[in-house]
């Protein structure tokens, strides 16, 4: 069985860290086998302690930075992809996006500043998709 023919959609989970560039590299390779690639960055709103105007402004600022980072990644790799910037619990949002987009492959990075180990564990335990952990 040729696994390349079975992978039609890839979701690459990134944040704006240097390690994310390595993660993106692994996932963007999928473009060479004619797949639809999507990038997602989740703003962890658990880190925002109060629902104040300044907290909302902080989240919006982080979303803008995340969107620019994802656009820069696509420019760096001369690649087109769908971009999603969500807010909430990272595990829940990634799992939701995996199901909504019906992806075949998920690319996750692990580092203290990238996706924490508990997020990676939660995601890999709750989905049945192929996963690459970088």
Protein backbone atom coordinates (compact mmCIF):
# COMPACT_ATOMS: atom_id res chain seq x y z
CA UNK A 1 0.00 0.00 0.00
CA UNK A 2 1.35 3.40 -0.95
CA UNK A 3 0.61 5.76 1.96
CA UNK A 4 1.19 8.83 -0.23
CA UNK A 5 -1.99 8.11 -2.19
CA UNK A 6 -4.02 7.94 1.02
CA UNK A 7 -3.02 11.34 2.37
CA UNK A 8 -5.24 14.03 0.89
CA UNK A 9 -5.37 16.59 3.73
CA UNK A 10 -2.71 17.62 6.23
CA UNK A 11 -3.08 19.84 9.31
CA UNK A 12 0.13 21.43 10.61
CA UNK A 13 -0.10 22.81 14.15
CA UNK A 14 2.21 25.77 14.72
CA UNK A 15 2.92 28.66 17.02
CA UNK A 16 5.35 31.50 16.46
CA UNK A 17 8.51 29.82 17.74
CA UNK A 18 11.69 28.77 15.98
CA UNK A 19 10.76 25.12 16.52
CA UNK A 20 7.59 25.70 14.49
CA UNK A 21 9.73 26.28 11.40
CA UNK A 22 11.03 22.69 11.76
CA UNK A 23 7.47 21.45 12.26
CA UNK A 24 6.28 23.37 9.19
CA UNK A 25 9.11 21.92 7.12
CA UNK A 26 7.97 18.37 7.90
CA UNK A 27 4.37 19.14 7.04
CA UNK A 28 4.96 21.30 3.98
CA UNK A 29 6.76 18.36 2.37
CA UNK A 30 3.24 16.95 1.98
CA UNK A 31 2.60 19.52 -0.75
CA UNK A 32 4.96 17.53 -2.96
CA UNK A 33 2.49 14.63 -2.91
CA UNK A 34 -0.42 16.84 -3.96
CA UNK A 35 -2.18 17.24 -0.63
CA UNK A 36 -4.29 20.05 0.77
CA UNK A 37 -2.31 21.66 3.59
CA UNK A 38 -3.80 23.69 6.43
CA UNK A 39 -1.92 25.54 9.16
CA UNK A 40 -3.40 26.18 12.59
CA UNK A 41 -2.26 28.29 15.51
CA UNK A 42 -4.34 28.27 18.69
CA UNK A 43 -4.19 31.18 21.12
CA UNK A 44 -4.43 29.57 24.56
CA UNK A 45 -7.06 31.68 26.28
CA UNK A 46 -6.50 29.70 29.50
CA UNK A 47 -3.47 31.96 29.88
CA UNK A 48 -5.70 35.05 29.89
CA UNK A 49 -6.96 35.31 33.45
CA UNK A 50 -9.71 37.92 33.20
CA UNK A 51 -12.24 38.67 30.51
CA UNK A 52 -11.40 42.36 30.40
CA UNK A 53 -11.04 44.71 27.49
CA UNK A 54 -7.26 44.54 27.84
CA UNK A 55 -7.41 40.72 27.84
CA UNK A 56 -9.47 40.82 24.64
CA UNK A 57 -6.97 43.24 23.13
CA UNK A 58 -4.12 40.92 24.10
CA UNK A 59 -5.86 37.96 22.41
CA UNK A 60 -6.54 40.00 19.26
CA UNK A 61 -2.91 41.15 19.18
CA UNK A 62 -1.73 37.55 19.53
CA UNK A 63 -4.09 36.46 16.76
CA UNK A 64 -2.70 39.14 14.43
CA UNK A 65 0.88 38.06 15.21
CA UNK A 66 -0.04 34.41 14.70
CA UNK A 67 -1.67 35.11 11.35
CA UNK A 68 1.39 37.07 10.18
CA UNK A 69 3.68 34.26 11.36
CA UNK A 70 1.69 31.65 9.42
CA UNK A 71 1.69 33.84 6.32
CA UNK A 72 5.47 34.23 6.63
CA UNK A 73 5.87 30.45 6.88
CA UNK A 74 3.94 30.05 3.65
CA UNK A 75 6.05 32.72 1.98
CA UNK A 76 9.24 31.06 3.23
CA UNK A 77 8.22 27.75 1.64
CA UNK A 78 6.55 29.32 -1.43
CA UNK A 79 3.46 27.37 -0.56
CA UNK A 80 -0.27 27.94 -0.54
CA UNK A 81 -2.32 26.63 2.36
CA UNK A 82 -5.40 27.37 4.39
CA UNK A 83 -4.70 29.35 7.56
CA UNK A 84 -6.65 29.03 10.81
CA UNK A 85 -6.05 31.11 13.92
CA UNK A 86 -8.33 29.96 16.72
CA UNK A 87 -8.58 30.78 20.39
CA UNK A 88 -9.37 28.51 23.31
CA UNK A 89 -7.98 25.29 24.68
CA UNK A 90 -5.25 24.14 22.22
CA UNK A 91 -6.04 20.41 22.54
CA UNK A 92 -9.76 20.92 22.01
CA UNK A 93 -9.33 23.33 19.11
CA UNK A 94 -6.83 21.08 17.29
CA UNK A 95 -9.07 18.02 17.72
CA UNK A 96 -12.07 20.03 16.54
CA UNK A 97 -10.18 21.21 13.44
CA UNK A 98 -8.95 17.67 12.67
CA UNK A 99 -12.56 16.47 12.67
CA UNK A 100 -14.01 19.50 10.86
CA UNK A 101 -11.45 19.39 8.06
CA UNK A 102 -11.41 15.58 7.94
CA UNK A 103 -7.62 15.51 7.70
CA UNK A 104 -5.57 12.38 7.08
CA UNK A 105 -2.32 13.53 8.70
CA UNK A 106 -1.60 15.83 11.65
CA UNK A 107 1.85 17.35 12.19
CA UNK A 108 2.58 18.44 15.78
CA UNK A 109 5.67 19.91 17.38
CA UNK A 110 6.74 19.36 20.95
CA UNK A 111 8.72 21.78 23.01
CA UNK A 112 7.98 23.85 26.07
CA UNK A 113 7.29 26.89 23.91
CA UNK A 114 5.64 24.99 21.06
CA UNK A 115 2.86 22.59 21.93
CA UNK A 116 3.33 21.38 25.49
CA UNK A 117 3.62 17.64 25.95
CA UNK A 118 0.15 17.41 27.54
CA UNK A 119 -1.44 18.97 24.44
CA UNK A 120 0.31 16.49 22.17
CA UNK A 121 -0.78 13.58 24.41
CA UNK A 122 -4.39 14.79 24.50
CA UNK A 123 -4.55 15.20 20.74
CA UNK A 124 -2.89 11.88 19.88
CA UNK A 125 -5.11 9.98 22.32
CA UNK A 126 -8.34 11.40 20.96
CA UNK A 127 -7.83 11.17 17.20
CA UNK A 128 -7.41 8.15 14.97
CA UNK A 129 -5.44 10.01 12.27
CA UNK A 130 -1.83 9.56 11.32
CA UNK A 131 0.38 11.88 13.40
CA UNK A 132 3.93 13.10 12.90
CA UNK A 133 5.51 14.50 16.05
CA UNK A 134 8.49 16.75 15.46
